């Protein structure tokens, strides 16, 4: 089984040193920017060298994955966001998970509750049992 990971689960896998679960699986091109923003928000907590090291780790992690694009399906993603009352960002993950027949892995409880009737949705903890 293949999975599509959102940025919250990718970050959690990095923190838990479970990056191997990401290898060969999927994410959305948006994840690169979301993860970069997470690092940027924490930049005051680490020195410059550690910050660069973490950015490099994110890059290497994403290189293990297949990064997907919504490929000119903005209207469909926007409609999905409106229908499910989720952000366009989240809808891009849901759209690609559904269109590629992948389970979405997220740590976002609000997202889980909004889309659980539309796609299979898991958290990182669920994968350790599969």
N, C-alpha and C. Protein backbone atom coordinates (compact mmCIF):
# COMPACT_ATOMS: atom_id res chain seq x y z
N UNK A 1 0.84 -1.18 0.00
CA UNK A 1 0.00 0.00 0.00
C UNK A 1 0.88 1.24 0.00
N UNK A 2 0.48 2.23 -0.77
CA UNK A 2 1.21 3.50 -0.84
C UNK A 2 0.41 4.59 -0.13
N UNK A 3 1.15 5.59 0.34
CA UNK A 3 0.55 6.66 1.13
C UNK A 3 0.95 8.02 0.59
N UNK A 4 0.08 9.00 0.83
CA UNK A 4 0.38 10.39 0.55
C UNK A 4 0.49 11.09 1.91
N UNK A 5 1.66 11.64 2.20
CA UNK A 5 1.92 12.27 3.49
C UNK A 5 1.78 13.78 3.38
N UNK A 6 1.09 14.37 4.35
CA UNK A 6 1.08 15.83 4.39
C UNK A 6 2.28 16.29 5.21
N UNK A 7 2.48 17.60 5.25
CA UNK A 7 3.66 18.16 5.91
C UNK A 7 3.70 17.82 7.39
N UNK A 8 2.53 17.76 8.04
CA UNK A 8 2.52 17.47 9.48
C UNK A 8 3.08 16.07 9.77
N UNK A 9 2.75 15.12 8.93
CA UNK A 9 3.25 13.75 9.13
C UNK A 9 4.71 13.61 8.70
N UNK A 10 5.10 14.34 7.67
CA UNK A 10 6.51 14.32 7.27
C UNK A 10 7.37 14.88 8.40
N UNK A 11 6.95 16.02 8.95
CA UNK A 11 7.70 16.62 10.05
C UNK A 11 7.75 15.68 11.25
N UNK A 12 6.62 15.07 11.56
CA UNK A 12 6.57 14.13 12.69
C UNK A 12 7.50 12.93 12.44
N UNK A 13 7.55 12.43 11.23
CA UNK A 13 8.45 11.32 10.90
C UNK A 13 9.91 11.73 11.08
N UNK A 14 10.23 12.96 10.70
CA UNK A 14 11.59 13.46 10.88
C UNK A 14 11.92 13.55 12.37
N UNK A 15 11.02 14.13 13.14
CA UNK A 15 11.22 14.30 14.59
C UNK A 15 11.39 12.95 15.28
N UNK A 16 10.60 11.97 14.87
CA UNK A 16 10.66 10.63 15.49
C UNK A 16 11.76 9.75 14.92
N UNK A 17 12.51 10.28 13.95
CA UNK A 17 13.55 9.51 13.28
C UNK A 17 12.97 8.27 12.60
N UNK A 18 11.84 8.46 11.93
CA UNK A 18 11.15 7.39 11.22
C UNK A 18 11.04 7.72 9.73
N UNK A 19 12.05 8.37 9.20
CA UNK A 19 12.03 8.83 7.81
C UNK A 19 11.86 7.68 6.82
N UNK A 20 12.29 6.49 7.20
CA UNK A 20 12.20 5.35 6.29
C UNK A 20 10.77 5.06 5.85
N UNK A 21 9.78 5.40 6.67
CA UNK A 21 8.38 5.15 6.31
C UNK A 21 7.95 6.03 5.13
N UNK A 22 8.66 7.12 4.90
CA UNK A 22 8.32 8.04 3.82
C UNK A 22 8.87 7.58 2.46
N UNK A 23 9.95 6.83 2.49
CA UNK A 23 10.64 6.45 1.26
C UNK A 23 9.72 5.72 0.29
N UNK A 24 9.71 6.19 -0.94
CA UNK A 24 8.90 5.57 -1.98
C UNK A 24 7.43 5.96 -1.94
N UNK A 25 7.05 6.77 -0.97
CA UNK A 25 5.67 7.23 -0.87
C UNK A 25 5.55 8.63 -1.45
N UNK A 26 4.43 9.27 -1.25
CA UNK A 26 4.09 10.49 -1.96
C UNK A 26 3.82 11.66 -1.04
N UNK A 27 3.98 12.84 -1.60
CA UNK A 27 3.54 14.08 -0.96
C UNK A 27 3.18 15.06 -2.07
N UNK A 28 2.76 16.25 -1.67
CA UNK A 28 2.37 17.30 -2.60
C UNK A 28 3.48 18.34 -2.63
N UNK A 29 3.69 18.98 -3.78
CA UNK A 29 4.76 19.97 -3.89
C UNK A 29 4.68 21.05 -2.82
N UNK A 30 3.49 21.32 -2.35
CA UNK A 30 3.26 22.29 -1.29
C UNK A 30 4.01 21.92 0.00
N UNK A 31 4.23 20.65 0.25
CA UNK A 31 4.87 20.21 1.49
C UNK A 31 6.25 20.83 1.67
N UNK A 32 6.96 21.04 0.59
CA UNK A 32 8.30 21.64 0.66
C UNK A 32 8.21 23.02 1.32
N UNK A 33 7.20 23.79 0.93
CA UNK A 33 7.04 25.14 1.46
C UNK A 33 6.49 25.13 2.89
N UNK A 34 5.59 24.21 3.16
CA UNK A 34 5.05 24.10 4.52
C UNK A 34 6.16 23.70 5.50
N UNK A 35 7.00 22.75 5.10
CA UNK A 35 8.10 22.33 5.97
C UNK A 35 9.13 23.43 6.14
N UNK A 36 9.40 24.14 5.06
CA UNK A 36 10.30 25.29 5.16
C UNK A 36 9.78 26.33 6.12
N UNK A 37 8.48 26.53 6.12
CA UNK A 37 7.87 27.50 7.03
C UNK A 37 7.96 27.03 8.48
N UNK A 38 7.82 25.73 8.71
CA UNK A 38 7.98 25.19 10.07
C UNK A 38 9.40 25.49 10.57
N UNK A 39 10.38 25.25 9.71
CA UNK A 39 11.77 25.54 10.11
C UNK A 39 11.96 27.04 10.36
N UNK A 40 11.41 27.85 9.48
CA UNK A 40 11.55 29.30 9.63
C UNK A 40 10.96 29.78 10.96
N UNK A 41 9.83 29.23 11.33
CA UNK A 41 9.19 29.63 12.59
C UNK A 41 10.03 29.24 13.80
N UNK A 42 10.86 28.23 13.66
CA UNK A 42 11.69 27.75 14.77
C UNK A 42 13.14 28.25 14.67
N UNK A 43 13.41 29.15 13.77
CA UNK A 43 14.79 29.60 13.53
C UNK A 43 15.45 30.23 14.74
N UNK A 44 14.66 30.82 15.63
CA UNK A 44 15.23 31.44 16.82
C UNK A 44 15.60 30.42 17.89
N UNK A 45 15.17 29.17 17.70
CA UNK A 45 15.43 28.12 18.69
C UNK A 45 16.73 27.37 18.42
N UNK A 46 17.32 27.59 17.25
CA UNK A 46 18.54 26.87 16.89
C UNK A 46 19.55 27.86 16.31
N UNK A 47 20.81 27.47 16.35
CA UNK A 47 21.83 28.33 15.75
C UNK A 47 21.81 28.18 14.22
N UNK A 48 22.52 29.04 13.54
CA UNK A 48 22.50 29.09 12.08
C UNK A 48 22.95 27.77 11.45
N UNK A 49 23.94 27.13 12.04
CA UNK A 49 24.45 25.86 11.51
C UNK A 49 23.39 24.77 11.62
N UNK A 50 22.73 24.69 12.76
CA UNK A 50 21.67 23.70 12.97
C UNK A 50 20.50 23.97 12.03
N UNK A 51 20.18 25.23 11.82
CA UNK A 51 19.10 25.62 10.91
C UNK A 51 19.38 25.11 9.49
N UNK A 52 20.61 25.33 9.02
CA UNK A 52 21.00 24.84 7.69
C UNK A 52 20.96 23.32 7.64
N UNK A 53 21.40 22.69 8.71
CA UNK A 53 21.38 21.23 8.78
C UNK A 53 19.96 20.68 8.69
N UNK A 54 19.03 21.33 9.41
CA UNK A 54 17.63 20.89 9.38
C UNK A 54 17.02 21.10 7.99
N UNK A 55 17.35 22.22 7.36
CA UNK A 55 16.86 22.48 6.00
C UNK A 55 17.38 21.42 5.04
N UNK A 56 18.62 21.03 5.20
CA UNK A 56 19.21 19.98 4.37
C UNK A 56 18.52 18.63 4.62
N UNK A 57 18.19 18.36 5.88
CA UNK A 57 17.49 17.12 6.23
C UNK A 57 16.10 17.08 5.57
N UNK A 58 15.39 18.19 5.58
CA UNK A 58 14.09 18.25 4.92
C UNK A 58 14.25 17.98 3.43
N UNK A 59 15.25 18.58 2.81
CA UNK A 59 15.50 18.37 1.38
C UNK A 59 15.78 16.90 1.08
N UNK A 60 16.66 16.29 1.87
CA UNK A 60 17.01 14.88 1.67
C UNK A 60 15.78 13.98 1.88
N UNK A 61 14.97 14.33 2.86
CA UNK A 61 13.76 13.56 3.14
C UNK A 61 12.80 13.62 1.96
N UNK A 62 12.57 14.81 1.44
CA UNK A 62 11.65 14.95 0.30
C UNK A 62 12.19 14.27 -0.95
N UNK A 63 13.51 14.18 -1.07
CA UNK A 63 14.11 13.48 -2.21
C UNK A 63 13.85 11.97 -2.16
N UNK A 64 13.46 11.45 -1.01
CA UNK A 64 13.11 10.03 -0.87
C UNK A 64 11.69 9.76 -1.38
N UNK A 65 10.94 10.83 -1.58
CA UNK A 65 9.52 10.71 -1.87
C UNK A 65 9.21 11.13 -3.31
N UNK A 66 8.07 10.72 -3.78
CA UNK A 66 7.55 11.17 -5.07
C UNK A 66 6.71 12.42 -4.78
N UNK A 67 7.12 13.56 -5.32
CA UNK A 67 6.42 14.82 -5.07
C UNK A 67 5.45 15.08 -6.22
N UNK A 68 4.16 15.16 -5.88
CA UNK A 68 3.10 15.31 -6.87
C UNK A 68 2.65 16.75 -7.00
N UNK A 69 2.07 17.06 -8.15
CA UNK A 69 1.52 18.38 -8.43
C UNK A 69 0.03 18.25 -8.72
N UNK A 70 -0.73 19.31 -8.46
CA UNK A 70 -2.15 19.27 -8.77
C UNK A 70 -2.41 19.46 -10.27
N UNK A 71 -1.37 19.73 -11.05
CA UNK A 71 -1.42 19.77 -12.51
C UNK A 71 -2.67 20.41 -13.11
N UNK A 72 -2.81 21.69 -12.91
CA UNK A 72 -3.89 22.48 -13.53
C UNK A 72 -5.29 22.04 -13.10
N UNK A 73 -5.41 21.46 -11.93
CA UNK A 73 -6.71 21.07 -11.39
C UNK A 73 -7.14 22.02 -10.27
N UNK A 74 -6.74 23.27 -10.37
CA UNK A 74 -7.05 24.25 -9.33
C UNK A 74 -8.55 24.39 -9.09
N UNK A 75 -9.34 24.37 -10.16
CA UNK A 75 -10.80 24.52 -10.00
C UNK A 75 -11.38 23.36 -9.19
N UNK A 76 -10.93 22.14 -9.47
CA UNK A 76 -11.42 20.97 -8.74
C UNK A 76 -10.98 21.02 -7.28
N UNK A 77 -9.75 21.46 -7.05
CA UNK A 77 -9.25 21.56 -5.68
C UNK A 77 -10.03 22.64 -4.92
N UNK A 78 -10.29 23.76 -5.58
CA UNK A 78 -11.05 24.84 -4.94
C UNK A 78 -12.47 24.39 -4.60
N UNK A 79 -13.09 23.64 -5.50
CA UNK A 79 -14.44 23.14 -5.25
C UNK A 79 -14.44 22.18 -4.07
N UNK A 80 -13.44 21.32 -4.01
CA UNK A 80 -13.30 20.37 -2.90
C UNK A 80 -13.09 21.11 -1.58
N UNK A 81 -12.26 22.13 -1.60
CA UNK A 81 -12.02 22.94 -0.40
C UNK A 81 -13.32 23.57 0.09
N UNK A 82 -14.10 24.09 -0.85
CA UNK A 82 -15.37 24.72 -0.49
C UNK A 82 -16.36 23.69 0.05
N UNK A 83 -16.47 22.57 -0.62
CA UNK A 83 -17.43 21.53 -0.22
C UNK A 83 -17.11 20.93 1.14
N UNK A 84 -15.82 20.73 1.43
CA UNK A 84 -15.41 20.11 2.69
C UNK A 84 -15.08 21.14 3.78
N UNK A 85 -15.12 22.42 3.41
CA UNK A 85 -14.80 23.49 4.33
C UNK A 85 -13.39 23.32 4.92
N UNK A 86 -12.43 23.14 4.01
CA UNK A 86 -11.02 23.02 4.37
C UNK A 86 -10.23 24.01 3.51
N UNK A 87 -8.99 24.24 3.88
CA UNK A 87 -8.16 25.16 3.10
C UNK A 87 -7.83 24.56 1.74
N UNK A 88 -7.47 25.43 0.81
CA UNK A 88 -7.01 24.97 -0.50
C UNK A 88 -5.78 24.07 -0.33
N UNK A 89 -4.91 24.44 0.60
CA UNK A 89 -3.73 23.61 0.88
C UNK A 89 -4.14 22.18 1.22
N UNK A 90 -5.03 22.05 2.21
CA UNK A 90 -5.47 20.72 2.63
C UNK A 90 -6.22 20.01 1.50
N UNK A 91 -7.01 20.76 0.76
CA UNK A 91 -7.77 20.17 -0.35
C UNK A 91 -6.82 19.61 -1.42
N UNK A 92 -5.65 20.20 -1.59
CA UNK A 92 -4.71 19.67 -2.58
C UNK A 92 -4.22 18.28 -2.17
N UNK A 93 -4.00 18.07 -0.88
CA UNK A 93 -3.63 16.73 -0.40
C UNK A 93 -4.79 15.75 -0.62
N UNK A 94 -5.99 16.17 -0.27
CA UNK A 94 -7.17 15.30 -0.40
C UNK A 94 -7.41 14.97 -1.87
N UNK A 95 -7.34 15.98 -2.73
CA UNK A 95 -7.55 15.78 -4.16
C UNK A 95 -6.58 14.75 -4.72
N UNK A 96 -5.31 14.89 -4.41
CA UNK A 96 -4.31 13.97 -4.95
C UNK A 96 -4.42 12.58 -4.32
N UNK A 97 -4.73 12.50 -3.05
CA UNK A 97 -4.92 11.19 -2.42
C UNK A 97 -6.06 10.46 -3.12
N UNK A 98 -7.14 11.17 -3.34
CA UNK A 98 -8.31 10.55 -3.98
C UNK A 98 -8.02 10.20 -5.44
N UNK A 99 -7.43 11.11 -6.19
CA UNK A 99 -7.20 10.87 -7.61
C UNK A 99 -6.13 9.80 -7.86
N UNK A 100 -5.21 9.63 -6.93
CA UNK A 100 -4.14 8.62 -7.08
C UNK A 100 -4.44 7.35 -6.28
N UNK A 101 -5.62 7.31 -5.64
CA UNK A 101 -6.04 6.16 -4.83
C UNK A 101 -5.02 5.83 -3.73
N UNK A 102 -4.66 6.88 -2.99
CA UNK A 102 -3.70 6.75 -1.90
C UNK A 102 -4.38 7.08 -0.58
N UNK A 103 -3.90 6.50 0.49
CA UNK A 103 -4.35 6.88 1.82
C UNK A 103 -3.59 8.13 2.22
N UNK A 104 -4.29 9.08 2.82
CA UNK A 104 -3.66 10.31 3.29
C UNK A 104 -3.20 10.12 4.73
N UNK A 105 -1.94 10.46 4.98
CA UNK A 105 -1.38 10.37 6.33
C UNK A 105 -1.18 11.80 6.83
N UNK A 106 -1.85 12.13 7.94
CA UNK A 106 -1.77 13.46 8.52
C UNK A 106 -1.87 13.37 10.03
N UNK A 107 -1.31 14.36 10.69
CA UNK A 107 -1.44 14.47 12.14
C UNK A 107 -2.49 15.53 12.50
N UNK A 108 -3.08 16.14 11.50
CA UNK A 108 -4.04 17.23 11.65
C UNK A 108 -5.43 16.67 11.98
N UNK A 109 -5.82 16.79 13.24
CA UNK A 109 -7.10 16.22 13.70
C UNK A 109 -8.30 16.87 13.03
N UNK A 110 -8.23 18.17 12.82
CA UNK A 110 -9.33 18.88 12.16
C UNK A 110 -9.51 18.37 10.73
N UNK A 111 -8.42 18.22 10.02
CA UNK A 111 -8.48 17.70 8.65
C UNK A 111 -9.05 16.28 8.65
N UNK A 112 -8.58 15.46 9.56
CA UNK A 112 -9.09 14.08 9.65
C UNK A 112 -10.60 14.06 9.81
N UNK A 113 -11.10 14.88 10.69
CA UNK A 113 -12.55 14.87 10.95
C UNK A 113 -13.34 15.36 9.75
N UNK A 114 -12.78 16.26 8.97
CA UNK A 114 -13.51 16.81 7.82
C UNK A 114 -13.52 15.89 6.61
N UNK A 115 -12.50 15.03 6.46
CA UNK A 115 -12.39 14.25 5.22
C UNK A 115 -12.52 12.74 5.41
N UNK A 116 -12.74 12.29 6.63
CA UNK A 116 -12.75 10.85 6.91
C UNK A 116 -13.80 10.08 6.12
N UNK A 117 -14.86 10.74 5.68
CA UNK A 117 -15.89 10.06 4.90
C UNK A 117 -15.60 10.06 3.40
N UNK A 118 -14.50 10.70 2.99
CA UNK A 118 -14.19 10.85 1.57
C UNK A 118 -12.98 10.05 1.11
N UNK A 119 -12.02 9.88 1.99
CA UNK A 119 -10.80 9.12 1.67
C UNK A 119 -10.35 8.37 2.92
N UNK A 120 -9.47 7.38 2.71
CA UNK A 120 -8.87 6.73 3.88
C UNK A 120 -7.84 7.69 4.46
N UNK A 121 -7.95 7.92 5.75
CA UNK A 121 -7.06 8.88 6.40
C UNK A 121 -6.45 8.23 7.64
N UNK A 122 -5.14 8.37 7.76
CA UNK A 122 -4.38 7.74 8.83
C UNK A 122 -3.45 8.75 9.48
N UNK A 123 -2.86 8.34 10.59
CA UNK A 123 -1.78 9.12 11.18
C UNK A 123 -0.52 8.25 11.15
N UNK A 124 0.59 8.86 11.47
CA UNK A 124 1.86 8.13 11.48
C UNK A 124 1.79 6.93 12.41
N UNK A 125 1.13 7.08 13.55
CA UNK A 125 1.00 5.96 14.50
C UNK A 125 0.29 4.77 13.88
N UNK A 126 -0.67 5.01 12.99
CA UNK A 126 -1.39 3.93 12.35
C UNK A 126 -0.49 3.07 11.46
N UNK A 127 0.56 3.65 10.94
CA UNK A 127 1.44 2.90 10.02
C UNK A 127 2.30 1.88 10.73
N UNK A 128 2.59 2.09 11.99
CA UNK A 128 3.43 1.14 12.71
C UNK A 128 2.73 -0.20 12.91
N UNK A 129 1.42 -0.22 12.71
CA UNK A 129 0.65 -1.46 12.89
C UNK A 129 0.37 -2.16 11.58
N UNK A 130 0.83 -1.61 10.47
CA UNK A 130 0.54 -2.19 9.15
C UNK A 130 1.73 -2.94 8.63
